[in-house]
Amino acid sequence: MGLGIRKDDIVIVTSGKEKGKRGRVLVVTPAKDGILVERVNLVKRHMKPSKRYQQGGIIEKEAPVKISIVMLVCPKCDKPTRFGNKVLETGKKVRVCKKCKEVIDK
């Protein structure tokens, strides 16, 4: 099942307490229908000292948000947009912005 939003895409949150925030996608989890977005939906966790968190204490980290409340931001027109799919002459399938008709994928 293709979700259409991929790692390192820039997205904007369209509803909820984080509405209007932009961020880069860190992780996509299709099985749970969620994504982690950089600096969005921050939660505080009490962590014991470990190799990853040497100091321990209260750590702020991102929590997943539903993929249905985010929208892809087109890198060309810099607006939240829907996207379509297009097959190039080379046979490669790419995402296309519905507003400016530009190719989103590199």
N, C-alpha and C. Protein backbone atom coordinates (compact mmCIF):
# COMPACT_ATOMS: atom_id res chain seq x y z
N MET A 1 0.85 -1.19 0.00
CA MET A 1 0.00 0.00 0.00
C MET A 1 0.88 1.24 0.00
N GLY A 2 0.78 2.07 -0.99
CA GLY A 2 1.59 3.28 -1.06
C GLY A 2 0.90 4.44 -0.37
N LEU A 3 1.61 5.09 0.54
CA LEU A 3 1.04 6.22 1.26
C LEU A 3 1.32 7.53 0.56
N GLY A 4 2.35 7.58 -0.27
CA GLY A 4 2.64 8.79 -1.03
C GLY A 4 3.57 9.75 -0.34
N ILE A 5 3.63 9.74 0.99
CA ILE A 5 4.55 10.61 1.71
C ILE A 5 5.74 9.75 2.11
N ARG A 6 6.93 10.27 1.86
CA ARG A 6 8.15 9.51 2.08
C ARG A 6 9.08 10.22 3.05
N LYS A 7 10.09 9.51 3.49
CA LYS A 7 11.10 10.07 4.39
C LYS A 7 11.77 11.26 3.71
N ASP A 8 12.08 12.30 4.47
CA ASP A 8 12.74 13.53 4.04
C ASP A 8 11.83 14.47 3.24
N ASP A 9 10.54 14.16 3.09
CA ASP A 9 9.60 15.11 2.50
C ASP A 9 9.31 16.21 3.53
N ILE A 10 8.93 17.38 3.05
CA ILE A 10 8.49 18.46 3.93
C ILE A 10 6.96 18.42 3.94
N VAL A 11 6.38 18.38 5.15
CA VAL A 11 4.92 18.31 5.28
C VAL A 11 4.44 19.42 6.21
N ILE A 12 3.15 19.71 6.14
CA ILE A 12 2.52 20.67 7.03
C ILE A 12 1.33 19.97 7.69
N VAL A 13 1.13 20.24 8.99
CA VAL A 13 0.03 19.62 9.73
C VAL A 13 -1.23 20.43 9.46
N THR A 14 -2.33 19.75 9.11
CA THR A 14 -3.56 20.43 8.70
C THR A 14 -4.63 20.47 9.78
N SER A 15 -4.50 19.70 10.87
CA SER A 15 -5.50 19.74 11.92
C SER A 15 -4.90 19.30 13.25
N GLY A 16 -5.62 19.59 14.32
CA GLY A 16 -5.17 19.21 15.66
C GLY A 16 -4.40 20.34 16.33
N LYS A 17 -3.82 20.02 17.49
CA LYS A 17 -3.13 21.04 18.28
C LYS A 17 -1.86 21.55 17.61
N GLU A 18 -1.30 20.80 16.68
CA GLU A 18 -0.07 21.19 15.98
C GLU A 18 -0.36 21.81 14.62
N LYS A 19 -1.60 22.21 14.37
CA LYS A 19 -2.00 22.73 13.05
C LYS A 19 -1.12 23.90 12.61
N GLY A 20 -0.67 23.82 11.35
CA GLY A 20 0.12 24.89 10.77
C GLY A 20 1.62 24.69 10.87
N LYS A 21 2.07 23.72 11.66
CA LYS A 21 3.51 23.48 11.80
C LYS A 21 4.05 22.72 10.61
N ARG A 22 5.26 23.08 10.20
CA ARG A 22 5.95 22.39 9.11
C ARG A 22 7.10 21.59 9.68
N GLY A 23 7.47 20.53 8.98
CA GLY A 23 8.62 19.76 9.40
C GLY A 23 8.99 18.72 8.37
N ARG A 24 10.18 18.15 8.57
CA ARG A 24 10.69 17.11 7.68
C ARG A 24 10.28 15.76 8.23
N VAL A 25 9.87 14.85 7.37
CA VAL A 25 9.46 13.51 7.79
C VAL A 25 10.69 12.70 8.17
N LEU A 26 10.68 12.15 9.39
CA LEU A 26 11.80 11.35 9.87
C LEU A 26 11.56 9.85 9.63
N VAL A 27 10.35 9.38 9.94
CA VAL A 27 10.03 7.96 9.81
C VAL A 27 8.59 7.82 9.32
N VAL A 28 8.36 6.87 8.39
CA VAL A 28 7.01 6.55 7.95
C VAL A 28 6.72 5.12 8.38
N THR A 29 5.58 4.93 9.08
CA THR A 29 5.19 3.59 9.52
C THR A 29 3.84 3.23 8.91
N PRO A 30 3.84 2.60 7.73
CA PRO A 30 2.59 2.29 7.04
C PRO A 30 1.69 1.34 7.82
N ALA A 31 2.26 0.43 8.59
CA ALA A 31 1.45 -0.54 9.34
C ALA A 31 0.57 0.16 10.37
N LYS A 32 1.08 1.22 10.98
CA LYS A 32 0.31 1.96 11.99
C LYS A 32 -0.30 3.23 11.44
N ASP A 33 -0.11 3.48 10.14
CA ASP A 33 -0.66 4.66 9.47
C ASP A 33 -0.20 5.95 10.13
N GLY A 34 1.08 6.00 10.53
CA GLY A 34 1.60 7.18 11.20
C GLY A 34 2.95 7.59 10.66
N ILE A 35 3.34 8.83 10.99
CA ILE A 35 4.66 9.33 10.61
C ILE A 35 5.23 10.15 11.75
N LEU A 36 6.55 10.21 11.81
CA LEU A 36 7.25 11.09 12.74
C LEU A 36 7.71 12.31 11.96
N VAL A 37 7.34 13.49 12.45
CA VAL A 37 7.71 14.74 11.80
C VAL A 37 8.61 15.51 12.75
N GLU A 38 9.70 16.05 12.21
CA GLU A 38 10.69 16.77 13.00
C GLU A 38 10.06 17.97 13.71
N ARG A 39 10.26 18.04 15.04
CA ARG A 39 9.79 19.14 15.90
C ARG A 39 8.26 19.31 15.90
N VAL A 40 7.51 18.24 15.63
CA VAL A 40 6.05 18.27 15.69
C VAL A 40 5.59 17.18 16.64
N ASN A 41 4.57 17.48 17.46
CA ASN A 41 4.00 16.55 18.44
C ASN A 41 5.06 16.07 19.43
N LEU A 42 5.74 17.02 20.05
CA LEU A 42 6.78 16.69 21.02
C LEU A 42 6.14 16.23 22.33
N VAL A 43 6.69 15.15 22.89
CA VAL A 43 6.25 14.64 24.19
C VAL A 43 7.46 14.52 25.09
N LYS A 44 7.22 14.52 26.39
CA LYS A 44 8.31 14.38 27.35
C LYS A 44 8.30 12.97 27.90
N ARG A 45 9.48 12.37 27.96
CA ARG A 45 9.63 11.00 28.46
C ARG A 45 10.69 10.99 29.54
N HIS A 46 10.42 10.27 30.61
CA HIS A 46 11.39 10.10 31.68
C HIS A 46 12.27 8.91 31.32
N MET A 47 13.57 9.15 31.13
CA MET A 47 14.48 8.11 30.65
C MET A 47 15.54 7.82 31.70
N LYS A 48 15.80 6.52 31.87
CA LYS A 48 16.93 6.12 32.72
C LYS A 48 18.22 6.36 31.94
N PRO A 49 19.31 6.57 32.62
CA PRO A 49 20.59 6.69 31.90
C PRO A 49 20.88 5.41 31.13
N SER A 50 21.30 5.56 29.90
CA SER A 50 21.64 4.41 29.05
C SER A 50 22.72 4.86 28.07
N LYS A 51 23.09 3.99 27.16
CA LYS A 51 24.09 4.38 26.17
C LYS A 51 23.58 5.51 25.29
N ARG A 52 22.30 5.47 24.95
CA ARG A 52 21.74 6.50 24.08
C ARG A 52 21.53 7.81 24.83
N TYR A 53 20.99 7.73 26.06
CA TYR A 53 20.76 8.91 26.88
C TYR A 53 21.65 8.81 28.12
N GLN A 54 22.88 9.26 28.01
CA GLN A 54 23.86 9.08 29.08
C GLN A 54 23.47 9.82 30.34
N GLN A 55 22.88 11.00 30.17
CA GLN A 55 22.49 11.80 31.33
C GLN A 55 21.22 11.25 31.97
N GLY A 56 20.29 10.75 31.16
CA GLY A 56 18.99 10.35 31.68
C GLY A 56 18.14 11.58 31.91
N GLY A 57 17.07 11.46 32.69
CA GLY A 57 16.22 12.60 33.00
C GLY A 57 15.04 12.71 32.06
N ILE A 58 14.50 13.90 31.91
CA ILE A 58 13.33 14.12 31.09
C ILE A 58 13.78 14.51 29.68
N ILE A 59 13.39 13.71 28.71
CA ILE A 59 13.80 13.88 27.31
C ILE A 59 12.57 14.29 26.49
N GLU A 60 12.75 15.28 25.59
CA GLU A 60 11.69 15.64 24.65
C GLU A 60 11.94 14.92 23.35
N LYS A 61 10.91 14.22 22.85
CA LYS A 61 11.06 13.53 21.58
C LYS A 61 9.76 13.59 20.80
N GLU A 62 9.85 13.32 19.50
CA GLU A 62 8.68 13.37 18.65
C GLU A 62 7.83 12.12 18.84
N ALA A 63 6.51 12.30 18.82
CA ALA A 63 5.58 11.18 18.84
C ALA A 63 4.92 11.12 17.46
N PRO A 64 4.47 9.94 17.05
CA PRO A 64 3.86 9.82 15.72
C PRO A 64 2.55 10.59 15.61
N VAL A 65 2.26 11.08 14.41
CA VAL A 65 0.96 11.67 14.09
C VAL A 65 0.36 10.86 12.95
N LYS A 66 -0.95 10.90 12.83
CA LYS A 66 -1.63 10.19 11.75
C LYS A 66 -1.25 10.81 10.41
N ILE A 67 -1.08 9.96 9.43
CA ILE A 67 -0.67 10.45 8.11
C ILE A 67 -1.80 11.24 7.45
N SER A 68 -3.03 11.03 7.92
CA SER A 68 -4.18 11.72 7.31
C SER A 68 -4.25 13.19 7.69
N ILE A 69 -3.52 13.63 8.73
CA ILE A 69 -3.59 15.04 9.14
C ILE A 69 -2.41 15.86 8.64
N VAL A 70 -1.59 15.29 7.76
CA VAL A 70 -0.49 16.06 7.18
C VAL A 70 -0.66 16.15 5.67
N MET A 71 -0.08 17.21 5.11
CA MET A 71 -0.14 17.42 3.67
C MET A 71 1.25 17.71 3.15
N LEU A 72 1.57 17.16 2.01
CA LEU A 72 2.86 17.37 1.39
C LEU A 72 3.01 18.81 0.93
N VAL A 73 4.20 19.40 1.16
CA VAL A 73 4.49 20.76 0.69
C VAL A 73 5.35 20.64 -0.57
N CYS A 74 4.89 21.27 -1.64
CA CYS A 74 5.61 21.23 -2.91
C CYS A 74 6.90 22.06 -2.78
N PRO A 75 8.05 21.49 -3.14
CA PRO A 75 9.31 22.25 -3.03
C PRO A 75 9.39 23.41 -4.03
N LYS A 76 8.65 23.35 -5.13
CA LYS A 76 8.72 24.41 -6.15
C LYS A 76 7.84 25.60 -5.78
N CYS A 77 6.53 25.36 -5.53
CA CYS A 77 5.61 26.47 -5.25
C CYS A 77 5.48 26.74 -3.75
N ASP A 78 6.06 25.92 -2.90
CA ASP A 78 6.12 26.09 -1.45
C ASP A 78 4.72 26.21 -0.82
N LYS A 79 3.76 25.44 -1.36
CA LYS A 79 2.40 25.42 -0.82
C LYS A 79 2.00 23.98 -0.51
N PRO A 80 1.14 23.78 0.50
CA PRO A 80 0.62 22.43 0.73
C PRO A 80 -0.22 22.00 -0.46
N THR A 81 -0.01 20.79 -0.92
CA THR A 81 -0.67 20.38 -2.15
C THR A 81 -0.98 18.89 -2.14
N ARG A 82 -1.94 18.54 -2.97
CA ARG A 82 -2.15 17.13 -3.27
C ARG A 82 -1.18 16.80 -4.40
N PHE A 83 -1.04 15.52 -4.66
CA PHE A 83 -0.10 15.14 -5.72
C PHE A 83 -0.68 13.99 -6.51
N GLY A 84 -0.23 13.92 -7.75
CA GLY A 84 -0.61 12.82 -8.63
C GLY A 84 0.63 12.06 -9.03
N ASN A 85 0.44 10.97 -9.72
CA ASN A 85 1.56 10.17 -10.19
C ASN A 85 1.67 10.30 -11.70
N LYS A 86 2.90 10.21 -12.19
CA LYS A 86 3.15 10.33 -13.62
C LYS A 86 4.32 9.42 -13.96
N VAL A 87 4.27 8.80 -15.12
CA VAL A 87 5.37 7.96 -15.58
C VAL A 87 6.16 8.75 -16.61
N LEU A 88 7.47 8.92 -16.35
CA LEU A 88 8.33 9.65 -17.28
C LEU A 88 8.67 8.78 -18.49
N GLU A 89 9.31 9.39 -19.49
CA GLU A 89 9.71 8.66 -20.69
C GLU A 89 10.69 7.53 -20.36
N THR A 90 11.46 7.72 -19.28
CA THR A 90 12.44 6.71 -18.89
C THR A 90 11.78 5.52 -18.20
N GLY A 91 10.48 5.63 -17.91
CA GLY A 91 9.77 4.55 -17.24
C GLY A 91 9.72 4.71 -15.73
N LYS A 92 10.30 5.79 -15.22
CA LYS A 92 10.31 6.03 -13.78
C LYS A 92 9.00 6.69 -13.35
N LYS A 93 8.40 6.19 -12.26
CA LYS A 93 7.16 6.75 -11.73
C LYS A 93 7.50 7.83 -10.72
N VAL A 94 6.95 9.04 -10.90
CA VAL A 94 7.25 10.17 -10.02
C VAL A 94 5.96 10.81 -9.53
N ARG A 95 6.09 11.59 -8.45
CA ARG A 95 4.95 12.35 -7.92
C ARG A 95 4.95 13.74 -8.55
N VAL A 96 3.77 14.27 -8.85
CA VAL A 96 3.63 15.56 -9.52
C VAL A 96 2.69 16.44 -8.69
N CYS A 97 3.08 17.69 -8.47
CA CYS A 97 2.27 18.66 -7.74
C CYS A 97 1.01 18.98 -8.54
N LYS A 98 -0.15 18.97 -7.88
CA LYS A 98 -1.41 19.27 -8.58
C LYS A 98 -1.58 20.76 -8.85
N LYS A 99 -0.87 21.62 -8.10
CA LYS A 99 -1.02 23.07 -8.28
C LYS A 99 -0.13 23.61 -9.39
N CYS A 100 1.18 23.28 -9.32
CA CYS A 100 2.11 23.88 -10.30
C CYS A 100 2.56 22.89 -11.37
N LYS A 101 2.10 21.65 -11.29
CA LYS A 101 2.40 20.59 -12.29
C LYS A 101 3.89 20.24 -12.38
N GLU A 102 4.67 20.58 -11.35
CA GLU A 102 6.09 20.26 -11.35
C GLU A 102 6.34 18.90 -10.70
N VAL A 103 7.42 18.24 -11.09
CA VAL A 103 7.79 16.96 -10.51
C VAL A 103 8.34 17.18 -9.10
N ILE A 104 7.81 16.44 -8.13
CA ILE A 104 8.23 16.59 -6.73
C ILE A 104 9.49 15.78 -6.45
N ASP A 105 9.55 14.57 -7.00
CA ASP A 105 10.70 13.69 -6.75
C ASP A 105 11.93 14.17 -7.48
N LYS A 106 13.12 13.84 -6.90
CA LYS A 106 14.36 14.25 -7.52
C LYS A 106 14.62 13.46 -8.77
